[in-house]
Amino acid sequence: MVTEPFRHTAVGQALQARVDARRTAGARIYPPQPLRALALTPLASVRVVILGQDPYHGPGQAEGLAFSVPDGVRPPPSLANIFQELKRDLGQPLPASGSLVRWARQGVLLLNTSLTVEEGQAASHARWGWEVLADALVDAVVRQPAPVAFLLWGQHAQARAARVPAGGPHRVWQANHPSPLAARRPPVPFIGCGHFGEVRGFLAAAGRPIDWTL
């Protein structure tokens, strides 16, 4: 497992010490289960990788899965745009819940590149070392022989595109971030990208079907 060796590296130990120090100082840190994405989607079962940046920083929002919020929590703007593209691309009705747990259990790894954040402070734990673990996890998925679809939305996620070798079994899709600031802008607007349908076809052809219904 990638996470256990990471814990024993200098970067991993420094990261844990820094997070622990902030908790001791009284900081509220989300989500309660930073590694939940891996618990729901073991690396050997990954069919799709969706990379986020860092967890939601509002109370009750982050649930350890990129872009996802618990049942009963209003979908934030980026997630609302993801649902709009699902509706446009596949004709699916807007879901009643903002939780993406159903995707995770099908093999969609919803991985933030920073796995913790402090209340009210976006990107507060960025560049603390989580990105090293995220890159190691992406590399571990790339080593899997079965085809995997990588959905890289926005520049932060697209910086990992080079980690997926061309010509192998995996395939990369790229578009703007689903944030309202970028979702409809060039060069590749998220709204209209058609990724969900294309990935569904790619995985069906590989004998690894995915159902995007929520």
N, C-alpha and C. Protein backbone atom coordinates (compact mmCIF):
# COMPACT_ATOMS: atom_id res chain seq x y z
N MET A 1 0.86 -1.21 0.00
CA MET A 1 0.00 0.00 0.00
C MET A 1 0.88 1.25 0.00
N VAL A 2 0.55 2.20 -0.84
CA VAL A 2 1.39 3.39 -1.01
C VAL A 2 1.42 4.24 0.26
N THR A 3 0.32 4.32 0.97
CA THR A 3 0.25 5.25 2.10
C THR A 3 1.18 4.87 3.24
N GLU A 4 1.34 3.57 3.49
CA GLU A 4 2.16 3.16 4.62
C GLU A 4 3.64 3.51 4.43
N PRO A 5 4.25 3.19 3.28
CA PRO A 5 5.63 3.65 3.08
C PRO A 5 5.77 5.17 3.15
N PHE A 6 4.74 5.89 2.66
CA PHE A 6 4.81 7.35 2.69
C PHE A 6 4.89 7.87 4.13
N ARG A 7 4.15 7.23 5.05
CA ARG A 7 4.15 7.68 6.44
C ARG A 7 5.55 7.69 7.04
N HIS A 8 6.41 6.80 6.55
CA HIS A 8 7.73 6.64 7.15
C HIS A 8 8.80 7.46 6.45
N THR A 9 8.43 8.17 5.40
CA THR A 9 9.40 9.05 4.75
C THR A 9 9.54 10.34 5.55
N ALA A 10 10.60 11.08 5.27
CA ALA A 10 10.80 12.37 5.94
C ALA A 10 9.65 13.32 5.64
N VAL A 11 9.16 13.31 4.40
CA VAL A 11 8.04 14.18 4.02
C VAL A 11 6.78 13.77 4.77
N GLY A 12 6.51 12.47 4.82
CA GLY A 12 5.32 11.99 5.50
C GLY A 12 5.34 12.28 6.98
N GLN A 13 6.47 12.12 7.63
CA GLN A 13 6.57 12.38 9.06
C GLN A 13 6.44 13.87 9.36
N ALA A 14 7.05 14.70 8.51
CA ALA A 14 6.94 16.15 8.71
C ALA A 14 5.50 16.61 8.51
N LEU A 15 4.83 16.02 7.52
CA LEU A 15 3.42 16.36 7.27
C LEU A 15 2.56 16.01 8.48
N GLN A 16 2.70 14.79 8.98
CA GLN A 16 1.89 14.38 10.12
C GLN A 16 2.15 15.24 11.34
N ALA A 17 3.41 15.58 11.57
CA ALA A 17 3.75 16.44 12.71
C ALA A 17 3.12 17.82 12.57
N ARG A 18 3.09 18.33 11.36
CA ARG A 18 2.53 19.66 11.13
C ARG A 18 1.02 19.66 11.32
N VAL A 19 0.35 18.62 10.81
CA VAL A 19 -1.10 18.52 10.98
C VAL A 19 -1.43 18.35 12.46
N ASP A 20 -0.68 17.49 13.15
CA ASP A 20 -0.92 17.29 14.58
C ASP A 20 -0.72 18.57 15.37
N ALA A 21 0.28 19.35 15.00
CA ALA A 21 0.54 20.60 15.71
C ALA A 21 -0.61 21.58 15.54
N ARG A 22 -1.19 21.62 14.35
CA ARG A 22 -2.32 22.52 14.11
C ARG A 22 -3.55 22.07 14.91
N ARG A 23 -3.77 20.76 14.99
CA ARG A 23 -4.88 20.26 15.80
C ARG A 23 -4.67 20.63 17.28
N THR A 24 -3.46 20.44 17.76
CA THR A 24 -3.15 20.78 19.15
C THR A 24 -3.37 22.26 19.42
N ALA A 25 -3.12 23.08 18.41
CA ALA A 25 -3.31 24.53 18.54
C ALA A 25 -4.78 24.94 18.45
N GLY A 26 -5.66 23.97 18.19
CA GLY A 26 -7.10 24.27 18.17
C GLY A 26 -7.70 24.43 16.80
N ALA A 27 -6.93 24.21 15.75
CA ALA A 27 -7.46 24.36 14.39
C ALA A 27 -8.47 23.26 14.09
N ARG A 28 -9.55 23.62 13.41
CA ARG A 28 -10.51 22.62 12.93
C ARG A 28 -10.06 22.16 11.55
N ILE A 29 -9.81 20.87 11.43
CA ILE A 29 -9.24 20.31 10.21
C ILE A 29 -10.23 19.34 9.59
N TYR A 30 -10.45 19.51 8.28
CA TYR A 30 -11.36 18.64 7.53
C TYR A 30 -10.57 17.89 6.46
N PRO A 31 -11.09 16.73 6.03
CA PRO A 31 -12.26 15.99 6.52
C PRO A 31 -11.88 15.11 7.69
N PRO A 32 -12.86 14.50 8.35
CA PRO A 32 -12.54 13.64 9.47
C PRO A 32 -11.77 12.38 9.06
N GLN A 33 -11.95 11.93 7.81
CA GLN A 33 -11.23 10.76 7.29
C GLN A 33 -10.48 11.16 6.03
N PRO A 34 -9.24 11.67 6.15
CA PRO A 34 -8.52 12.15 4.98
C PRO A 34 -8.28 11.08 3.90
N LEU A 35 -8.18 9.81 4.31
CA LEU A 35 -7.89 8.74 3.35
C LEU A 35 -9.14 7.96 2.93
N ARG A 36 -10.30 8.56 3.09
CA ARG A 36 -11.54 7.83 2.79
C ARG A 36 -11.63 7.40 1.32
N ALA A 37 -11.12 8.23 0.42
CA ALA A 37 -11.18 7.86 -1.01
C ALA A 37 -10.51 6.51 -1.25
N LEU A 38 -9.40 6.27 -0.56
CA LEU A 38 -8.69 5.00 -0.74
C LEU A 38 -9.41 3.85 -0.06
N ALA A 39 -10.11 4.14 1.04
CA ALA A 39 -10.88 3.09 1.71
C ALA A 39 -12.04 2.62 0.84
N LEU A 40 -12.69 3.56 0.14
CA LEU A 40 -13.83 3.22 -0.71
C LEU A 40 -13.39 2.69 -2.07
N THR A 41 -12.21 3.12 -2.53
CA THR A 41 -11.74 2.76 -3.87
C THR A 41 -10.31 2.25 -3.78
N PRO A 42 -10.11 0.99 -3.42
CA PRO A 42 -8.75 0.43 -3.39
C PRO A 42 -8.08 0.56 -4.75
N LEU A 43 -6.77 0.74 -4.76
CA LEU A 43 -6.06 1.02 -6.01
C LEU A 43 -6.29 -0.07 -7.05
N ALA A 44 -6.39 -1.32 -6.63
CA ALA A 44 -6.57 -2.41 -7.60
C ALA A 44 -7.92 -2.36 -8.30
N SER A 45 -8.88 -1.62 -7.73
CA SER A 45 -10.22 -1.55 -8.32
C SER A 45 -10.46 -0.27 -9.12
N VAL A 46 -9.46 0.60 -9.23
CA VAL A 46 -9.65 1.91 -9.86
C VAL A 46 -9.92 1.76 -11.36
N ARG A 47 -11.00 2.40 -11.81
CA ARG A 47 -11.33 2.47 -13.23
C ARG A 47 -11.22 3.89 -13.77
N VAL A 48 -11.46 4.86 -12.88
CA VAL A 48 -11.41 6.28 -13.25
C VAL A 48 -10.69 7.02 -12.13
N VAL A 49 -9.87 7.99 -12.50
CA VAL A 49 -9.26 8.89 -11.52
C VAL A 49 -9.75 10.31 -11.82
N ILE A 50 -10.36 10.95 -10.83
CA ILE A 50 -10.73 12.35 -10.92
C ILE A 50 -9.94 13.09 -9.85
N LEU A 51 -9.12 14.03 -10.27
CA LEU A 51 -8.24 14.73 -9.35
C LEU A 51 -8.83 16.08 -8.96
N GLY A 52 -9.00 16.29 -7.66
CA GLY A 52 -9.35 17.60 -7.13
C GLY A 52 -8.13 18.26 -6.55
N GLN A 53 -8.32 19.43 -5.93
CA GLN A 53 -7.19 20.17 -5.40
C GLN A 53 -7.08 20.03 -3.89
N ASP A 54 -8.06 20.56 -3.15
CA ASP A 54 -8.05 20.33 -1.71
C ASP A 54 -9.48 20.24 -1.21
N PRO A 55 -9.70 19.74 0.01
CA PRO A 55 -11.07 19.52 0.48
C PRO A 55 -11.84 20.82 0.66
N TYR A 56 -13.16 20.72 0.67
CA TYR A 56 -14.00 21.86 1.02
C TYR A 56 -13.66 22.29 2.45
N HIS A 57 -13.70 23.60 2.69
CA HIS A 57 -13.25 24.10 4.00
C HIS A 57 -14.39 24.63 4.86
N GLY A 58 -15.65 24.37 4.44
CA GLY A 58 -16.79 24.77 5.26
C GLY A 58 -17.23 23.63 6.17
N PRO A 59 -17.82 23.93 7.31
CA PRO A 59 -18.28 22.88 8.23
C PRO A 59 -19.25 21.92 7.55
N GLY A 60 -19.00 20.63 7.72
CA GLY A 60 -19.91 19.62 7.21
C GLY A 60 -19.84 19.35 5.73
N GLN A 61 -18.92 19.98 5.00
CA GLN A 61 -18.87 19.81 3.55
C GLN A 61 -17.97 18.66 3.11
N ALA A 62 -16.74 18.64 3.58
CA ALA A 62 -15.76 17.66 3.09
C ALA A 62 -16.08 16.27 3.63
N GLU A 63 -16.05 15.28 2.74
CA GLU A 63 -16.27 13.90 3.19
C GLU A 63 -15.18 12.96 2.69
N GLY A 64 -14.02 13.51 2.38
CA GLY A 64 -12.88 12.68 2.01
C GLY A 64 -12.86 12.22 0.58
N LEU A 65 -13.73 12.79 -0.26
CA LEU A 65 -13.79 12.46 -1.68
C LEU A 65 -13.79 13.77 -2.47
N ALA A 66 -12.94 13.88 -3.47
CA ALA A 66 -12.86 15.11 -4.25
C ALA A 66 -14.23 15.46 -4.83
N PHE A 67 -14.62 16.72 -4.70
CA PHE A 67 -15.84 17.32 -5.23
C PHE A 67 -17.12 16.89 -4.50
N SER A 68 -17.08 15.85 -3.69
CA SER A 68 -18.26 15.28 -3.07
C SER A 68 -18.61 15.94 -1.75
N VAL A 69 -19.90 16.00 -1.45
CA VAL A 69 -20.38 16.47 -0.14
C VAL A 69 -21.37 15.44 0.41
N PRO A 70 -21.55 15.40 1.73
CA PRO A 70 -22.47 14.42 2.30
C PRO A 70 -23.92 14.68 1.89
N ASP A 71 -24.73 13.64 2.03
CA ASP A 71 -26.17 13.78 1.82
C ASP A 71 -26.71 14.95 2.65
N GLY A 72 -27.59 15.75 2.05
CA GLY A 72 -28.20 16.85 2.77
C GLY A 72 -27.45 18.16 2.69
N VAL A 73 -26.24 18.14 2.13
CA VAL A 73 -25.44 19.36 1.98
C VAL A 73 -25.59 19.86 0.54
N ARG A 74 -25.88 21.13 0.39
CA ARG A 74 -26.08 21.70 -0.95
C ARG A 74 -24.80 21.58 -1.77
N PRO A 75 -24.88 21.10 -3.00
CA PRO A 75 -23.68 20.98 -3.84
C PRO A 75 -23.01 22.33 -4.06
N PRO A 76 -21.71 22.45 -3.79
CA PRO A 76 -20.99 23.68 -4.11
C PRO A 76 -20.98 23.92 -5.63
N PRO A 77 -20.60 25.13 -6.06
CA PRO A 77 -20.72 25.47 -7.48
C PRO A 77 -20.01 24.52 -8.45
N SER A 78 -18.80 24.06 -8.12
CA SER A 78 -18.10 23.15 -9.03
C SER A 78 -18.85 21.84 -9.18
N LEU A 79 -19.35 21.32 -8.07
CA LEU A 79 -20.12 20.07 -8.13
C LEU A 79 -21.43 20.27 -8.89
N ALA A 80 -22.06 21.41 -8.70
CA ALA A 80 -23.29 21.70 -9.44
C ALA A 80 -23.02 21.70 -10.95
N ASN A 81 -21.85 22.22 -11.37
CA ASN A 81 -21.51 22.21 -12.79
C ASN A 81 -21.21 20.79 -13.28
N ILE A 82 -20.62 19.95 -12.43
CA ILE A 82 -20.42 18.55 -12.79
C ILE A 82 -21.77 17.89 -13.07
N PHE A 83 -22.75 18.16 -12.22
CA PHE A 83 -24.08 17.60 -12.42
C PHE A 83 -24.74 18.16 -13.69
N GLN A 84 -24.49 19.44 -13.99
CA GLN A 84 -25.04 20.02 -15.21
C GLN A 84 -24.45 19.35 -16.45
N GLU A 85 -23.16 19.04 -16.42
CA GLU A 85 -22.54 18.38 -17.56
C GLU A 85 -23.03 16.93 -17.69
N LEU A 86 -23.24 16.26 -16.57
CA LEU A 86 -23.84 14.92 -16.62
C LEU A 86 -25.21 14.96 -17.30
N LYS A 87 -26.01 15.95 -16.94
CA LYS A 87 -27.33 16.09 -17.53
C LYS A 87 -27.23 16.38 -19.02
N ARG A 88 -26.34 17.30 -19.39
CA ARG A 88 -26.19 17.67 -20.80
C ARG A 88 -25.65 16.51 -21.63
N ASP A 89 -24.64 15.81 -21.07
CA ASP A 89 -23.93 14.77 -21.81
C ASP A 89 -24.73 13.47 -21.89
N LEU A 90 -25.30 13.06 -20.78
CA LEU A 90 -25.94 11.75 -20.72
C LEU A 90 -27.45 11.80 -20.51
N GLY A 91 -28.00 13.00 -20.35
CA GLY A 91 -29.43 13.12 -20.15
C GLY A 91 -29.89 12.69 -18.77
N GLN A 92 -28.97 12.63 -17.83
CA GLN A 92 -29.33 12.21 -16.48
C GLN A 92 -30.00 13.34 -15.72
N PRO A 93 -31.00 13.05 -14.91
CA PRO A 93 -31.60 14.10 -14.08
C PRO A 93 -30.61 14.57 -13.03
N LEU A 94 -30.78 15.80 -12.56
CA LEU A 94 -29.90 16.30 -11.51
C LEU A 94 -30.11 15.46 -10.25
N PRO A 95 -29.03 14.98 -9.63
CA PRO A 95 -29.19 14.11 -8.47
C PRO A 95 -29.75 14.85 -7.26
N ALA A 96 -30.39 14.10 -6.40
CA ALA A 96 -30.96 14.67 -5.18
C ALA A 96 -29.89 14.89 -4.12
N SER A 97 -28.77 14.17 -4.24
CA SER A 97 -27.69 14.26 -3.25
C SER A 97 -26.39 14.68 -3.92
N GLY A 98 -25.56 15.37 -3.16
CA GLY A 98 -24.24 15.77 -3.66
C GLY A 98 -23.16 14.77 -3.34
N SER A 99 -23.52 13.62 -2.77
CA SER A 99 -22.52 12.61 -2.43
C SER A 99 -22.16 11.78 -3.65
N LEU A 100 -20.86 11.57 -3.84
CA LEU A 100 -20.36 10.78 -4.96
C LEU A 100 -19.88 9.41 -4.50
N VAL A 101 -20.36 8.97 -3.34
CA VAL A 101 -19.94 7.68 -2.80
C VAL A 101 -20.25 6.54 -3.78
N ARG A 102 -21.38 6.63 -4.49
CA ARG A 102 -21.72 5.57 -5.44
C ARG A 102 -20.66 5.43 -6.52
N TRP A 103 -20.13 6.56 -6.98
CA TRP A 103 -19.03 6.50 -7.95
C TRP A 103 -17.81 5.83 -7.33
N ALA A 104 -17.47 6.25 -6.12
CA ALA A 104 -16.27 5.71 -5.47
C ALA A 104 -16.35 4.20 -5.34
N ARG A 105 -17.53 3.69 -5.02
CA ARG A 105 -17.68 2.24 -4.84
C ARG A 105 -17.63 1.48 -6.15
N GLN A 106 -17.74 2.19 -7.28
CA GLN A 106 -17.61 1.56 -8.59
C GLN A 106 -16.19 1.61 -9.14
N GLY A 107 -15.30 2.26 -8.42
CA GLY A 107 -13.92 2.35 -8.89
C GLY A 107 -13.51 3.72 -9.38
N VAL A 108 -14.26 4.76 -9.01
CA VAL A 108 -13.87 6.13 -9.36
C VAL A 108 -13.08 6.70 -8.18
N LEU A 109 -11.78 6.85 -8.35
CA LEU A 109 -10.92 7.39 -7.30
C LEU A 109 -11.03 8.91 -7.30
N LEU A 110 -11.70 9.44 -6.30
CA LEU A 110 -11.95 10.88 -6.19
C LEU A 110 -10.89 11.44 -5.25
N LEU A 111 -9.74 11.76 -5.83
CA LEU A 111 -8.54 12.07 -5.05
C LEU A 111 -8.21 13.55 -5.07
N ASN A 112 -8.20 14.18 -3.91
CA ASN A 112 -7.65 15.52 -3.80
C ASN A 112 -6.14 15.42 -3.66
N THR A 113 -5.42 16.39 -4.22
CA THR A 113 -3.97 16.34 -4.11
C THR A 113 -3.48 16.88 -2.76
N SER A 114 -4.33 17.58 -2.05
CA SER A 114 -4.09 17.90 -0.64
C SER A 114 -5.25 17.30 0.14
N LEU A 115 -4.96 16.50 1.15
CA LEU A 115 -6.01 15.71 1.77
C LEU A 115 -6.56 16.30 3.06
N THR A 116 -6.04 17.42 3.50
CA THR A 116 -6.60 18.10 4.67
C THR A 116 -6.63 19.60 4.42
N VAL A 117 -7.48 20.28 5.19
CA VAL A 117 -7.62 21.72 5.08
C VAL A 117 -8.16 22.24 6.41
N GLU A 118 -7.89 23.52 6.70
CA GLU A 118 -8.42 24.11 7.92
C GLU A 118 -9.69 24.89 7.63
N GLU A 119 -10.57 24.89 8.60
CA GLU A 119 -11.86 25.55 8.45
C GLU A 119 -11.70 26.99 7.98
N GLY A 120 -12.40 27.31 6.88
CA GLY A 120 -12.42 28.68 6.39
C GLY A 120 -11.16 29.13 5.68
N GLN A 121 -10.22 28.21 5.43
CA GLN A 121 -8.94 28.60 4.82
C GLN A 121 -8.61 27.66 3.67
N ALA A 122 -9.07 28.01 2.50
CA ALA A 122 -8.82 27.18 1.32
C ALA A 122 -7.32 27.02 1.10
N ALA A 123 -6.93 25.82 0.70
CA ALA A 123 -5.54 25.49 0.37
C ALA A 123 -4.57 25.72 1.53
N SER A 124 -5.08 25.71 2.76
CA SER A 124 -4.23 26.00 3.91
C SER A 124 -3.18 24.92 4.17
N HIS A 125 -3.40 23.69 3.67
CA HIS A 125 -2.41 22.63 3.84
C HIS A 125 -1.75 22.25 2.51
N ALA A 126 -1.91 23.09 1.51
CA ALA A 126 -1.24 22.86 0.23
C ALA A 126 0.27 22.99 0.41
N ARG A 127 0.99 22.17 -0.33
CA ARG A 127 2.45 22.15 -0.31
C ARG A 127 3.02 21.76 1.05
N TRP A 128 2.23 21.05 1.83
CA TRP A 128 2.73 20.49 3.10
C TRP A 128 3.31 19.09 2.91
N GLY A 129 3.07 18.49 1.76
CA GLY A 129 3.56 17.13 1.50
C GLY A 129 2.52 16.18 0.98
N TRP A 130 1.24 16.55 1.09
CA TRP A 130 0.18 15.68 0.56
C TRP A 130 0.36 15.44 -0.94
N GLU A 131 0.86 16.45 -1.65
CA GLU A 131 1.00 16.30 -3.10
C GLU A 131 1.97 15.18 -3.46
N VAL A 132 2.96 14.95 -2.61
CA VAL A 132 3.91 13.85 -2.85
C VAL A 132 3.17 12.52 -2.78
N LEU A 133 2.29 12.37 -1.80
CA LEU A 133 1.50 11.15 -1.70
C LEU A 133 0.55 11.03 -2.89
N ALA A 134 -0.10 12.12 -3.27
CA ALA A 134 -1.04 12.07 -4.40
C ALA A 134 -0.33 11.62 -5.68
N ASP A 135 0.86 12.16 -5.93
CA ASP A 135 1.60 11.75 -7.11
C ASP A 135 1.99 10.27 -7.05
N ALA A 136 2.36 9.80 -5.86
CA ALA A 136 2.70 8.38 -5.71
C ALA A 136 1.49 7.50 -5.97
N LEU A 137 0.30 7.96 -5.56
CA LEU A 137 -0.92 7.20 -5.81
C LEU A 137 -1.25 7.16 -7.30
N VAL A 138 -1.10 8.31 -7.96
CA VAL A 138 -1.32 8.33 -9.42
C VAL A 138 -0.35 7.36 -10.10
N ASP A 139 0.91 7.37 -9.68
CA ASP A 139 1.90 6.47 -10.28
C ASP A 139 1.52 5.00 -10.04
N ALA A 140 0.98 4.71 -8.85
CA ALA A 140 0.58 3.34 -8.55
C ALA A 140 -0.58 2.90 -9.44
N VAL A 141 -1.51 3.80 -9.70
CA VAL A 141 -2.62 3.47 -10.61
C VAL A 141 -2.10 3.25 -12.02
N VAL A 142 -1.17 4.09 -12.45
CA VAL A 142 -0.60 3.95 -13.80
C VAL A 142 0.05 2.58 -13.98
N ARG A 143 0.59 2.03 -12.91
CA ARG A 143 1.24 0.72 -13.01
C ARG A 143 0.24 -0.44 -13.13
N GLN A 144 -1.04 -0.16 -12.90
CA GLN A 144 -2.04 -1.21 -13.04
C GLN A 144 -2.19 -1.57 -14.52
N PRO A 145 -2.32 -2.84 -14.84
CA PRO A 145 -2.39 -3.23 -16.26
C PRO A 145 -3.74 -2.95 -16.91
N ALA A 146 -4.83 -2.94 -16.13
CA ALA A 146 -6.15 -2.72 -16.71
C ALA A 146 -6.35 -1.25 -17.06
N PRO A 147 -7.08 -0.94 -18.14
CA PRO A 147 -7.26 0.44 -18.57
C PRO A 147 -7.95 1.31 -17.51
N VAL A 148 -7.44 2.51 -17.34
CA VAL A 148 -7.98 3.50 -16.41
C VAL A 148 -8.15 4.82 -17.15
N ALA A 149 -9.25 5.50 -16.88
CA ALA A 149 -9.51 6.83 -17.46
C ALA A 149 -9.11 7.88 -16.43
N PHE A 150 -8.28 8.83 -16.85
CA PHE A 150 -7.87 9.93 -16.00
C PHE A 150 -8.58 11.20 -16.47
N LEU A 151 -9.39 11.79 -15.59
CA LEU A 151 -10.10 13.02 -15.89
C LEU A 151 -9.40 14.17 -15.18
N LEU A 152 -8.74 15.01 -15.96
CA LEU A 152 -7.92 16.09 -15.41
C LEU A 152 -8.58 17.42 -15.77
N TRP A 153 -9.21 18.00 -14.78
CA TRP A 153 -9.98 19.23 -14.98
C TRP A 153 -9.26 20.39 -14.30
N GLY A 154 -8.79 21.33 -15.11
CA GLY A 154 -8.09 22.49 -14.57
C GLY A 154 -6.58 22.29 -14.54
N GLN A 155 -5.86 23.39 -14.44
CA GLN A 155 -4.40 23.35 -14.55
C GLN A 155 -3.75 22.53 -13.45
N HIS A 156 -4.30 22.58 -12.24
CA HIS A 156 -3.68 21.85 -11.14
C HIS A 156 -3.69 20.35 -11.43
N ALA A 157 -4.82 19.83 -11.86
CA ALA A 157 -4.89 18.41 -12.20
C ALA A 157 -4.08 18.09 -13.45
N GLN A 158 -4.13 18.98 -14.43
CA GLN A 158 -3.44 18.73 -15.70
C GLN A 158 -1.92 18.69 -15.54
N ALA A 159 -1.41 19.25 -14.45
CA ALA A 159 0.03 19.17 -14.19
C ALA A 159 0.47 17.72 -13.99
N ARG A 160 -0.48 16.82 -13.72
CA ARG A 160 -0.16 15.40 -13.54
C ARG A 160 -0.29 14.60 -14.84
N ALA A 161 -0.66 15.22 -15.93
CA ALA A 161 -0.89 14.48 -17.18
C ALA A 161 0.35 13.73 -17.63
N ALA A 162 1.52 14.31 -17.43
CA ALA A 162 2.75 13.67 -17.88
C ALA A 162 3.06 12.39 -17.12
N ARG A 163 2.38 12.15 -16.01
CA ARG A 163 2.61 10.93 -15.24
C ARG A 163 1.91 9.72 -15.88
N VAL A 164 1.06 9.99 -16.87
CA VAL A 164 0.34 8.90 -17.56
C VAL A 164 0.96 8.73 -18.94
N PRO A 165 1.77 7.71 -19.14
CA PRO A 165 2.49 7.58 -20.41
C PRO A 165 1.54 7.40 -21.59
N ALA A 166 1.85 8.05 -22.68
CA ALA A 166 1.10 7.86 -23.93
C ALA A 166 1.40 6.48 -24.49
N GLY A 167 0.41 5.90 -25.15
CA GLY A 167 0.62 4.62 -25.79
C GLY A 167 0.38 3.42 -24.91
N GLY A 168 0.09 3.65 -23.62
CA GLY A 168 -0.20 2.55 -22.72
C GLY A 168 -1.69 2.24 -22.69
N PRO A 169 -2.13 1.45 -21.71
CA PRO A 169 -3.54 1.06 -21.66
C PRO A 169 -4.46 2.18 -21.17
N HIS A 170 -3.89 3.19 -20.53
CA HIS A 170 -4.71 4.24 -19.92
C HIS A 170 -4.92 5.40 -20.88
N ARG A 171 -5.92 6.22 -20.54
CA ARG A 171 -6.21 7.38 -21.40
C ARG A 171 -6.54 8.59 -20.54
N VAL A 172 -6.14 9.76 -21.03
CA VAL A 172 -6.32 11.02 -20.30
C VAL A 172 -7.32 11.90 -21.04
N TRP A 173 -8.25 12.48 -20.29
CA TRP A 173 -9.15 13.52 -20.79
C TRP A 173 -8.86 14.80 -20.01
N GLN A 174 -8.82 15.94 -20.71
CA GLN A 174 -8.52 17.21 -20.06
C GLN A 174 -9.56 18.27 -20.45
N ALA A 175 -9.90 19.10 -19.49
CA ALA A 175 -10.80 20.23 -19.72
C ALA A 175 -10.56 21.25 -18.63
N ASN A 176 -11.19 22.41 -18.79
CA ASN A 176 -11.13 23.42 -17.73
C ASN A 176 -11.74 22.87 -16.45
N HIS A 177 -11.41 23.51 -15.35
CA HIS A 177 -12.00 23.16 -14.06
C HIS A 177 -13.51 23.45 -14.09
N PRO A 178 -14.32 22.63 -13.39
CA PRO A 178 -15.77 22.89 -13.37
C PRO A 178 -16.19 24.11 -12.55
N SER A 179 -15.26 24.81 -11.95
CA SER A 179 -15.59 26.04 -11.23
C SER A 179 -16.32 27.02 -12.15
N PRO A 180 -17.28 27.78 -11.62
CA PRO A 180 -17.98 28.78 -12.45
C PRO A 180 -17.04 29.77 -13.12
N LEU A 181 -15.85 29.98 -12.56
CA LEU A 181 -14.89 30.91 -13.15
C LEU A 181 -14.30 30.39 -14.46
N ALA A 182 -14.33 29.06 -14.65
CA ALA A 182 -13.65 28.48 -15.81
C ALA A 182 -14.51 27.54 -16.64
N ALA A 183 -15.63 27.10 -16.11
CA ALA A 183 -16.37 25.99 -16.72
C ALA A 183 -16.81 26.25 -18.16
N ARG A 184 -17.06 27.50 -18.50
CA ARG A 184 -17.56 27.80 -19.85
C ARG A 184 -16.56 28.60 -20.68
N ARG A 185 -15.34 28.69 -20.21
CA ARG A 185 -14.35 29.51 -20.92
C ARG A 185 -13.43 28.62 -21.77
N PRO A 186 -12.78 29.21 -22.79
CA PRO A 186 -11.76 28.47 -23.53
C PRO A 186 -10.53 28.25 -22.63
N PRO A 187 -9.61 27.36 -22.96
CA PRO A 187 -9.52 26.67 -24.25
C PRO A 187 -10.43 25.45 -24.38
N VAL A 188 -10.71 24.75 -23.27
CA VAL A 188 -11.57 23.56 -23.35
C VAL A 188 -12.63 23.69 -22.25
N PRO A 189 -13.77 24.30 -22.55
CA PRO A 189 -14.79 24.49 -21.53
C PRO A 189 -15.22 23.15 -20.92
N PHE A 190 -15.41 23.15 -19.62
CA PHE A 190 -15.88 21.92 -18.96
C PHE A 190 -17.30 21.60 -19.42
N ILE A 191 -18.17 22.60 -19.42
CA ILE A 191 -19.53 22.38 -19.89
C ILE A 191 -19.47 22.15 -21.40
N GLY A 192 -19.84 20.96 -21.81
CA GLY A 192 -19.76 20.58 -23.22
C GLY A 192 -18.60 19.66 -23.53
N CYS A 193 -17.78 19.30 -22.54
CA CYS A 193 -16.59 18.48 -22.81
C CYS A 193 -16.94 17.04 -23.20
N GLY A 194 -18.08 16.54 -22.74
CA GLY A 194 -18.49 15.19 -23.12
C GLY A 194 -17.70 14.07 -22.49
N HIS A 195 -16.97 14.36 -21.42
CA HIS A 195 -16.09 13.34 -20.83
C HIS A 195 -16.84 12.13 -20.29
N PHE A 196 -18.00 12.35 -19.70
CA PHE A 196 -18.68 11.23 -19.07
C PHE A 196 -19.10 10.17 -20.09
N GLY A 197 -19.65 10.60 -21.20
CA GLY A 197 -20.02 9.66 -22.24
C GLY A 197 -18.83 8.98 -22.88
N GLU A 198 -17.76 9.74 -23.12
CA GLU A 198 -16.57 9.17 -23.74
C GLU A 198 -15.91 8.14 -22.83
N VAL A 199 -15.83 8.46 -21.54
CA VAL A 199 -15.23 7.51 -20.60
C VAL A 199 -16.09 6.26 -20.47
N ARG A 200 -17.40 6.44 -20.45
CA ARG A 200 -18.29 5.28 -20.39
C ARG A 200 -18.04 4.34 -21.57
N GLY A 201 -17.88 4.90 -22.77
CA GLY A 201 -17.60 4.09 -23.94
C GLY A 201 -16.24 3.43 -23.88
N PHE A 202 -15.24 4.17 -23.44
CA PHE A 202 -13.87 3.64 -23.32
C PHE A 202 -13.83 2.45 -22.37
N LEU A 203 -14.46 2.59 -21.22
CA LEU A 203 -14.42 1.53 -20.23
C LEU A 203 -15.29 0.34 -20.62
N ALA A 204 -16.41 0.61 -21.27
CA ALA A 204 -17.25 -0.50 -21.75
C ALA A 204 -16.49 -1.36 -22.75
N ALA A 205 -15.75 -0.70 -23.64
CA ALA A 205 -14.96 -1.43 -24.63
C ALA A 205 -13.86 -2.26 -23.99
N ALA A 206 -13.40 -1.80 -22.82
CA ALA A 206 -12.34 -2.51 -22.10
C ALA A 206 -12.90 -3.57 -21.15
N GLY A 207 -14.23 -3.74 -21.13
CA GLY A 207 -14.83 -4.71 -20.23
C GLY A 207 -14.84 -4.26 -18.78
N ARG A 208 -14.78 -2.93 -18.57
CA ARG A 208 -14.79 -2.37 -17.20
C ARG A 208 -15.88 -1.31 -17.10
N PRO A 209 -17.14 -1.66 -17.28
CA PRO A 209 -18.20 -0.66 -17.39
C PRO A 209 -18.36 0.21 -16.15
N ILE A 210 -18.78 1.44 -16.39
CA ILE A 210 -19.06 2.41 -15.32
C ILE A 210 -20.45 2.96 -15.52
N ASP A 211 -21.17 3.13 -14.42
CA ASP A 211 -22.50 3.72 -14.46
C ASP A 211 -22.44 5.05 -13.71
N TRP A 212 -22.60 6.15 -14.44
CA TRP A 212 -22.46 7.48 -13.84
C TRP A 212 -23.71 7.91 -13.09
N THR A 213 -24.75 7.09 -13.07
CA THR A 213 -25.98 7.48 -12.39
C THR A 213 -25.72 7.67 -10.90
N LEU A 214 -26.32 8.72 -10.35
CA LEU A 214 -26.20 8.99 -8.92
C LEU A 214 -27.58 8.95 -8.25
